Amino acid sequence: MVYRGRVEKGVVVFDEKEPLAEGTEVSVRPVKPRSGRSGKVRKRPSLAERLRPVVGMAENLPEDLAQNHDHYLYGLPKK
């Protein structure tokens, strides 16, 4: 399980309300915030935004590709 938190006055304070048991060993790895020039945290682009450059590039595909993609990929019988 991953616990998230912040350092406040030199002490790691977890976001979760349930405390860890006293004496629990932990490993702390600082996380770099993703920020732009303004210093604000950037939202990760959605899958559609990341694939936008290649959407619509495929040509001459079979009309029934959506229904029978397993046939064209793996040779299974058409539906």
PDB file of N, CA and C in Angstrom:
ATOM      1  N   MET A   1       0.851  -1.176   0.000  1.00  0.00           N
ATOM      2  CA  MET A   1       0.000   0.000   0.000  1.00  0.00           C
ATOM      3  C   MET A   1       0.897   1.239   0.000  1.00  0.00           C
ATOM      4  N   VAL A   2       0.459   2.266  -0.671  1.00  0.00           N
ATOM      5  CA  VAL A   2       1.201   3.526  -0.743  1.00  0.00           C
ATOM      6  C   VAL A   2       0.464   4.569   0.090  1.00  0.00           C
ATOM      7  N   TYR A   3       1.189   5.199   0.971  1.00  0.00           N
ATOM      8  CA  TYR A   3       0.644   6.295   1.758  1.00  0.00           C
ATOM      9  C   TYR A   3       1.219   7.587   1.216  1.00  0.00           C
ATOM     10  N   ARG A   4       0.381   8.593   1.059  1.00  0.00           N
ATOM     11  CA  ARG A   4       0.844   9.871   0.557  1.00  0.00           C
ATOM     12  C   ARG A   4       0.775  10.893   1.686  1.00  0.00           C
ATOM     13  N   GLY A   5       1.632  11.892   1.587  1.00  0.00           N
ATOM     14  CA  GLY A   5       1.633  12.933   2.595  1.00  0.00           C
ATOM     15  C   GLY A   5       2.561  14.060   2.194  1.00  0.00           C
ATOM     16  N   ARG A   6       2.865  14.920   3.169  1.00  0.00           N
ATOM     17  CA  ARG A   6       3.731  16.064   2.925  1.00  0.00           C
ATOM     18  C   ARG A   6       4.628  16.262   4.140  1.00  0.00           C
ATOM     19  N   VAL A   7       5.738  16.925   3.903  1.00  0.00           N
ATOM     20  CA  VAL A   7       6.625  17.265   5.008  1.00  0.00           C
ATOM     21  C   VAL A   7       6.170  18.600   5.577  1.00  0.00           C
ATOM     22  N   GLU A   8       5.903  18.617   6.882  1.00  0.00           N
ATOM     23  CA  GLU A   8       5.497  19.841   7.576  1.00  0.00           C
ATOM     24  C   GLU A   8       6.402  20.019   8.789  1.00  0.00           C
ATOM     25  N   LYS A   9       7.164  21.098   8.807  1.00  0.00           N
ATOM     26  CA  LYS A   9       8.094  21.395   9.899  1.00  0.00           C
ATOM     27  C   LYS A   9       9.060  20.235  10.127  1.00  0.00           C
ATOM     28  N   GLY A  10       9.523  19.619   9.015  1.00  0.00           N
ATOM     29  CA  GLY A  10      10.511  18.556   9.110  1.00  0.00           C
ATOM     30  C   GLY A  10       9.964  17.184   9.430  1.00  0.00           C
ATOM     31  N   VAL A  11       8.654  17.034   9.516  1.00  0.00           N
ATOM     32  CA  VAL A  11       8.031  15.756   9.837  1.00  0.00           C
ATOM     33  C   VAL A  11       7.092  15.361   8.707  1.00  0.00           C
ATOM     34  N   VAL A  12       7.123  14.070   8.313  1.00  0.00           N
ATOM     35  CA  VAL A  12       6.215  13.584   7.280  1.00  0.00           C
ATOM     36  C   VAL A  12       4.831  13.410   7.895  1.00  0.00           C
ATOM     37  N   VAL A  13       3.832  14.075   7.314  1.00  0.00           N
ATOM     38  CA  VAL A  13       2.451  13.983   7.769  1.00  0.00           C
ATOM     39  C   VAL A  13       1.658  13.325   6.658  1.00  0.00           C
ATOM     40  N   PHE A  14       1.059  12.166   6.944  1.00  0.00           N
ATOM     41  CA  PHE A  14       0.312  11.410   5.937  1.00  0.00           C
ATOM     42  C   PHE A  14      -1.073  11.997   5.722  1.00  0.00           C
ATOM     43  N   ASP A  15      -1.576  11.850   4.489  1.00  0.00           N
ATOM     44  CA  ASP A  15      -2.923  12.315   4.161  1.00  0.00           C
ATOM     45  C   ASP A  15      -3.982  11.417   4.798  1.00  0.00           C
ATOM     46  N   GLU A  16      -3.680  10.127   4.947  1.00  0.00           N
ATOM     47  CA  GLU A  16      -4.638   9.176   5.495  1.00  0.00           C
ATOM     48  C   GLU A  16      -4.866   9.449   6.975  1.00  0.00           C
ATOM     49  N   LYS A  17      -6.079   9.239   7.418  1.00  0.00           N
ATOM     50  CA  LYS A  17      -6.418   9.492   8.816  1.00  0.00           C
ATOM     51  C   LYS A  17      -5.987   8.334   9.714  1.00  0.00           C
ATOM     52  N   GLU A  18      -5.876   7.115   9.151  1.00  0.00           N
ATOM     53  CA  GLU A  18      -5.498   5.958   9.946  1.00  0.00           C
ATOM     54  C   GLU A  18      -3.982   5.939  10.110  1.00  0.00           C
ATOM     55  N   PRO A  19      -3.501   6.088  11.332  1.00  0.00           N
ATOM     56  CA  PRO A  19      -2.050   6.117  11.531  1.00  0.00           C
ATOM     57  C   PRO A  19      -1.440   4.723  11.411  1.00  0.00           C
ATOM     58  N   LEU A  20      -0.168   4.688  11.059  1.00  0.00           N
ATOM     59  CA  LEU A  20       0.560   3.429  11.048  1.00  0.00           C
ATOM     60  C   LEU A  20       0.908   3.060  12.486  1.00  0.00           C
ATOM     61  N   ALA A  21       1.086   1.773  12.713  1.00  0.00           N
ATOM     62  CA  ALA A  21       1.422   1.318  14.060  1.00  0.00           C
ATOM     63  C   ALA A  21       2.773   1.882  14.484  1.00  0.00           C
ATOM     64  N   GLU A  22       2.903   2.208  15.751  1.00  0.00           N
ATOM     65  CA  GLU A  22       4.153   2.724  16.296  1.00  0.00           C
ATOM     66  C   GLU A  22       5.277   1.724  16.020  1.00  0.00           C
ATOM     67  N   GLY A  23       6.395   2.203  15.511  1.00  0.00           N
ATOM     68  CA  GLY A  23       7.537   1.348  15.230  1.00  0.00           C
ATOM     69  C   GLY A  23       7.551   0.766  13.827  1.00  0.00           C
ATOM     70  N   THR A  24       6.522   1.063  13.021  1.00  0.00           N
ATOM     71  CA  THR A  24       6.475   0.565  11.647  1.00  0.00           C
ATOM     72  C   THR A  24       7.610   1.185  10.844  1.00  0.00           C
ATOM     73  N   GLU A  25       8.390   0.339  10.169  1.00  0.00           N
ATOM     74  CA  GLU A  25       9.461   0.856   9.315  1.00  0.00           C
ATOM     75  C   GLU A  25       8.851   1.353   8.016  1.00  0.00           C
ATOM     76  N   VAL A  26       9.327   2.477   7.530  1.00  0.00           N
ATOM     77  CA  VAL A  26       8.821   3.054   6.292  1.00  0.00           C
ATOM     78  C   VAL A  26       9.981   3.456   5.403  1.00  0.00           C
ATOM     79  N   SER A  27       9.693   3.614   4.139  1.00  0.00           N
ATOM     80  CA  SER A  27      10.644   4.121   3.163  1.00  0.00           C
ATOM     81  C   SER A  27      10.004   5.339   2.526  1.00  0.00           C
ATOM     82  N   VAL A  28      10.706   6.444   2.499  1.00  0.00           N
ATOM     83  CA  VAL A  28      10.151   7.693   1.974  1.00  0.00           C
ATOM     84  C   VAL A  28      10.851   8.026   0.666  1.00  0.00           C
ATOM     85  N   ARG A  29      10.060   8.284  -0.368  1.00  0.00           N
ATOM     86  CA  ARG A  29      10.584   8.653  -1.684  1.00  0.00           C
ATOM     87  C   ARG A  29       9.932   9.962  -2.089  1.00  0.00           C
ATOM     88  N   PRO A  30      10.696  11.054  -2.165  1.00  0.00           N
ATOM     89  CA  PRO A  30      10.111  12.331  -2.578  1.00  0.00           C
ATOM     90  C   PRO A  30       9.541  12.239  -3.994  1.00  0.00           C
ATOM     91  N   VAL A  31       8.427  12.890  -4.218  1.00  0.00           N
ATOM     92  CA  VAL A  31       7.769  12.901  -5.516  1.00  0.00           C
ATOM     93  C   VAL A  31       7.886  14.301  -6.088  1.00  0.00           C
ATOM     94  N   LYS A  32       8.433  14.378  -7.313  1.00  0.00           N
ATOM     95  CA  LYS A  32       8.557  15.676  -7.966  1.00  0.00           C
ATOM     96  C   LYS A  32       7.211  16.065  -8.566  1.00  0.00           C
ATOM     97  N   PRO A  33       6.694  17.245  -8.245  1.00  0.00           N
ATOM     98  CA  PRO A  33       5.436  17.675  -8.864  1.00  0.00           C
ATOM     99  C   PRO A  33       5.654  17.998 -10.335  1.00  0.00           C
ATOM    100  N   ARG A  34       4.679  17.634 -11.154  1.00  0.00           N
ATOM    101  CA  ARG A  34       4.738  18.008 -12.576  1.00  0.00           C
ATOM    102  C   ARG A  34       4.213  19.427 -12.684  1.00  0.00           C
ATOM    103  N   SER A  35       5.058  20.322 -13.105  1.00  0.00           N
ATOM    104  CA  SER A  35       4.603  21.712 -13.191  1.00  0.00           C
ATOM    105  C   SER A  35       5.071  22.353 -14.478  1.00  0.00           C
ATOM    106  N   GLY A  36       4.321  23.327 -14.904  1.00  0.00           N
ATOM    107  CA  GLY A  36       4.664  24.098 -16.091  1.00  0.00           C
ATOM    108  C   GLY A  36       5.403  25.350 -15.678  1.00  0.00           C
ATOM    109  N   ARG A  37       5.474  26.299 -16.580  1.00  0.00           N
ATOM    110  CA  ARG A  37       6.191  27.537 -16.297  1.00  0.00           C
ATOM    111  C   ARG A  37       5.523  28.338 -15.185  1.00  0.00           C
ATOM    112  N   SER A  38       4.204  28.194 -15.053  1.00  0.00           N
ATOM    113  CA  SER A  38       3.493  28.978 -14.050  1.00  0.00           C
ATOM    114  C   SER A  38       3.644  28.402 -12.650  1.00  0.00           C
ATOM    115  N   GLY A  39       4.223  27.203 -12.530  1.00  0.00           N
ATOM    116  CA  GLY A  39       4.366  26.577 -11.228  1.00  0.00           C
ATOM    117  C   GLY A  39       3.162  25.757 -10.826  1.00  0.00           C
ATOM    118  N   LYS A  40       2.109  25.782 -11.637  1.00  0.00           N
ATOM    119  CA  LYS A  40       0.916  25.002 -11.333  1.00  0.00           C
ATOM    120  C   LYS A  40       1.126  23.558 -11.782  1.00  0.00           C
ATOM    121  N   VAL A  41       0.507  22.637 -11.072  1.00  0.00           N
ATOM    122  CA  VAL A  41       0.615  21.225 -11.424  1.00  0.00           C
ATOM    123  C   VAL A  41      -0.181  20.983 -12.705  1.00  0.00           C
ATOM    124  N   ARG A  42       0.468  20.312 -13.693  1.00  0.00           N
ATOM    125  CA  ARG A  42      -0.202  20.024 -14.962  1.00  0.00           C
ATOM    126  C   ARG A  42      -1.006  18.743 -14.860  1.00  0.00           C
ATOM    127  N   LYS A  43      -2.182  18.745 -15.470  1.00  0.00           N
ATOM    128  CA  LYS A  43      -3.007  17.556 -15.540  1.00  0.00           C
ATOM    129  C   LYS A  43      -2.456  16.650 -16.635  1.00  0.00           C
ATOM    130  N   ARG A  44      -2.382  15.354 -16.373  1.00  0.00           N
ATOM    131  CA  ARG A  44      -1.905  14.405 -17.375  1.00  0.00           C
ATOM    132  C   ARG A  44      -2.897  14.356 -18.533  1.00  0.00           C
ATOM    133  N   PRO A  45      -2.423  14.396 -19.782  1.00  0.00           N
ATOM    134  CA  PRO A  45      -3.348  14.341 -20.923  1.00  0.00           C
ATOM    135  C   PRO A  45      -4.120  13.032 -20.943  1.00  0.00           C
ATOM    136  N   SER A  46      -5.369  13.096 -21.377  1.00  0.00           N
ATOM    137  CA  SER A  46      -6.192  11.888 -21.472  1.00  0.00           C
ATOM    138  C   SER A  46      -5.677  11.006 -22.605  1.00  0.00           C
ATOM    139  N   LEU A  47      -6.151   9.772 -22.659  1.00  0.00           N
ATOM    140  CA  LEU A  47      -5.746   8.862 -23.722  1.00  0.00           C
ATOM    141  C   LEU A  47      -6.133   9.433 -25.086  1.00  0.00           C
ATOM    142  N   ALA A  48      -7.313  10.007 -25.182  1.00  0.00           N
ATOM    143  CA  ALA A  48      -7.744  10.599 -26.456  1.00  0.00           C
ATOM    144  C   ALA A  48      -6.825  11.739 -26.878  1.00  0.00           C
ATOM    145  N   GLU A  49      -6.394  12.557 -25.916  1.00  0.00           N
ATOM    146  CA  GLU A  49      -5.487  13.663 -26.241  1.00  0.00           C
ATOM    147  C   GLU A  49      -4.120  13.146 -26.695  1.00  0.00           C
ATOM    148  N   ARG A  50      -3.646  12.062 -26.052  1.00  0.00           N
ATOM    149  CA  ARG A  50      -2.343  11.508 -26.442  1.00  0.00           C
ATOM    150  C   ARG A  50      -2.393  10.820 -27.802  1.00  0.00           C
ATOM    151  N   LEU A  51      -3.555  10.247 -28.164  1.00  0.00           N
ATOM    152  CA  LEU A  51      -3.677   9.537 -29.438  1.00  0.00           C
ATOM    153  C   LEU A  51      -4.160  10.429 -30.588  1.00  0.00           C
ATOM    154  N   ARG A  52      -4.524  11.677 -30.292  1.00  0.00           N
ATOM    155  CA  ARG A  52      -5.060  12.589 -31.308  1.00  0.00           C
ATOM    156  C   ARG A  52      -4.198  12.663 -32.576  1.00  0.00           C
ATOM    157  N   PRO A  53      -2.860  12.681 -32.478  1.00  0.00           N
ATOM    158  CA  PRO A  53      -2.053  12.780 -33.701  1.00  0.00           C
ATOM    159  C   PRO A  53      -2.206  11.591 -34.655  1.00  0.00           C
ATOM    160  N   VAL A  54      -2.628  10.429 -34.171  1.00  0.00           N
ATOM    161  CA  VAL A  54      -2.718   9.262 -35.049  1.00  0.00           C
ATOM    162  C   VAL A  54      -4.152   8.854 -35.371  1.00  0.00           C
ATOM    163  N   VAL A  55      -5.134   9.509 -34.761  1.00  0.00           N
ATOM    164  CA  VAL A  55      -6.529   9.169 -35.024  1.00  0.00           C
ATOM    165  C   VAL A  55      -6.859   9.441 -36.489  1.00  0.00           C
ATOM    166  N   GLY A  56      -7.445   8.463 -37.155  1.00  0.00           N
ATOM    167  CA  GLY A  56      -7.878   8.614 -38.541  1.00  0.00           C
ATOM    168  C   GLY A  56      -6.793   8.376 -39.571  1.00  0.00           C
ATOM    169  N   MET A  57      -5.628   7.931 -39.167  1.00  0.00           N
ATOM    170  CA  MET A  57      -4.539   7.736 -40.122  1.00  0.00           C
ATOM    171  C   MET A  57      -4.650   6.418 -40.894  1.00  0.00           C
ATOM    172  N   ALA A  58      -5.294   5.414 -40.311  1.00  0.00           N
ATOM    173  CA  ALA A  58      -5.383   4.110 -40.971  1.00  0.00           C
ATOM    174  C   ALA A  58      -6.309   4.200 -42.184  1.00  0.00           C
ATOM    175  N   GLU A  59      -5.884   3.570 -43.274  1.00  0.00           N
ATOM    176  CA  GLU A  59      -6.677   3.590 -44.512  1.00  0.00           C
ATOM    177  C   GLU A  59      -6.885   2.170 -45.017  1.00  0.00           C
ATOM    178  N   ASN A  60      -7.920   1.987 -45.833  1.00  0.00           N
ATOM    179  CA  ASN A  60      -8.220   0.716 -46.500  1.00  0.00           C
ATOM    180  C   ASN A  60      -8.418  -0.437 -45.522  1.00  0.00           C
ATOM    181  N   LEU A  61      -9.111  -0.170 -44.409  1.00  0.00           N
ATOM    182  CA  LEU A  61      -9.404  -1.223 -43.444  1.00  0.00           C
ATOM    183  C   LEU A  61     -10.713  -1.906 -43.816  1.00  0.00           C
ATOM    184  N   PRO A  62     -10.898  -3.187 -43.440  1.00  0.00           N
ATOM    185  CA  PRO A  62     -12.165  -3.871 -43.723  1.00  0.00           C
ATOM    186  C   PRO A  62     -13.313  -3.174 -43.004  1.00  0.00           C
ATOM    187  N   GLU A  63     -14.496  -3.168 -43.639  1.00  0.00           N
ATOM    188  CA  GLU A  63     -15.660  -2.502 -43.058  1.00  0.00           C
ATOM    189  C   GLU A  63     -16.114  -3.164 -41.762  1.00  0.00           C
ATOM    190  N   ASP A  64     -15.843  -4.476 -41.609  1.00  0.00           N
ATOM    191  CA  ASP A  64     -16.287  -5.192 -40.417  1.00  0.00           C
ATOM    192  C   ASP A  64     -15.165  -5.367 -39.383  1.00  0.00           C
ATOM    193  N   LEU A  65     -14.155  -4.522 -39.429  1.00  0.00           N
ATOM    194  CA  LEU A  65     -13.012  -4.660 -38.533  1.00  0.00           C
ATOM    195  C   LEU A  65     -13.417  -4.573 -37.060  1.00  0.00           C
ATOM    196  N   ALA A  66     -14.304  -3.653 -36.709  1.00  0.00           N
ATOM    197  CA  ALA A  66     -14.705  -3.500 -35.312  1.00  0.00           C
ATOM    198  C   ALA A  66     -15.343  -4.780 -34.783  1.00  0.00           C
ATOM    199  N   GLN A  67     -16.174  -5.410 -35.598  1.00  0.00           N
ATOM    200  CA  GLN A  67     -16.877  -6.625 -35.163  1.00  0.00           C
ATOM    201  C   GLN A  67     -15.971  -7.849 -35.230  1.00  0.00           C
ATOM    202  N   ASN A  68     -15.069  -7.911 -36.184  1.00  0.00           N
ATOM    203  CA  ASN A  68     -14.270  -9.114 -36.410  1.00  0.00           C
ATOM    204  C   ASN A  68     -12.762  -8.896 -36.225  1.00  0.00           C
ATOM    205  N   HIS A  69     -12.387  -8.011 -35.303  1.00  0.00           N
ATOM    206  CA  HIS A  69     -10.961  -7.739 -35.130  1.00  0.00           C
ATOM    207  C   HIS A  69     -10.172  -8.978 -34.713  1.00  0.00           C
ATOM    208  N   ASP A  70     -10.802  -9.898 -33.956  1.00  0.00           N
ATOM    209  CA  ASP A  70     -10.096 -11.136 -33.584  1.00  0.00           C
ATOM    210  C   ASP A  70      -9.795 -11.991 -34.811  1.00  0.00           C
ATOM    211  N   HIS A  71     -10.670 -11.946 -35.799  1.00  0.00           N
ATOM    212  CA  HIS A  71     -10.423 -12.689 -37.037  1.00  0.00           C
ATOM    213  C   HIS A  71      -9.197 -12.127 -37.756  1.00  0.00           C
ATOM    214  N   TYR A  72      -9.143 -10.803 -37.862  1.00  0.00           N
ATOM    215  CA  TYR A  72      -8.047 -10.169 -38.600  1.00  0.00           C
ATOM    216  C   TYR A  72      -6.723 -10.205 -37.818  1.00  0.00           C
ATOM    217  N   LEU A  73      -6.796 -10.195 -36.502  1.00  0.00           N
ATOM    218  CA  LEU A  73      -5.573 -10.228 -35.702  1.00  0.00           C
ATOM    219  C   LEU A  73      -5.052 -11.643 -35.464  1.00  0.00           C
ATOM    220  N   TYR A  74      -5.986 -12.570 -35.148  1.00  0.00           N
ATOM    221  CA  TYR A  74      -5.577 -13.904 -34.705  1.00  0.00           C
ATOM    222  C   TYR A  74      -6.077 -15.049 -35.579  1.00  0.00           C
ATOM    223  N   GLY A  75      -6.846 -14.748 -36.601  1.00  0.00           N
ATOM    224  CA  GLY A  75      -7.336 -15.785 -37.499  1.00  0.00           C
ATOM    225  C   GLY A  75      -8.531 -16.554 -36.965  1.00  0.00           C
ATOM    226  N   LEU A  76      -9.211 -16.054 -35.933  1.00  0.00           N
ATOM    227  CA  LEU A  76     -10.396 -16.729 -35.412  1.00  0.00           C
ATOM    228  C   LEU A  76     -11.537 -16.596 -36.408  1.00  0.00           C
ATOM    229  N   PRO A  77     -12.558 -17.473 -36.309  1.00  0.00           N
ATOM    230  CA  PRO A  77     -13.696 -17.372 -37.229  1.00  0.00           C
ATOM    231  C   PRO A  77     -14.405 -16.022 -37.087  1.00  0.00           C
ATOM    232  N   LYS A  78     -14.960 -15.527 -38.198  1.00  0.00           N
ATOM    233  CA  LYS A  78     -15.713 -14.271 -38.165  1.00  0.00           C
ATOM    234  C   LYS A  78     -17.000 -14.480 -37.397  1.00  0.00           C
ATOM    235  N   LYS A  79     -17.491 -13.399 -36.806  1.00  0.00           N
ATOM    236  CA  LYS A  79     -18.751 -13.446 -36.040  1.00  0.00           C
ATOM    237  C   LYS A  79     -19.923 -13.245 -36.962  1.00  0.00           C
TER     238      LYS A  79
END
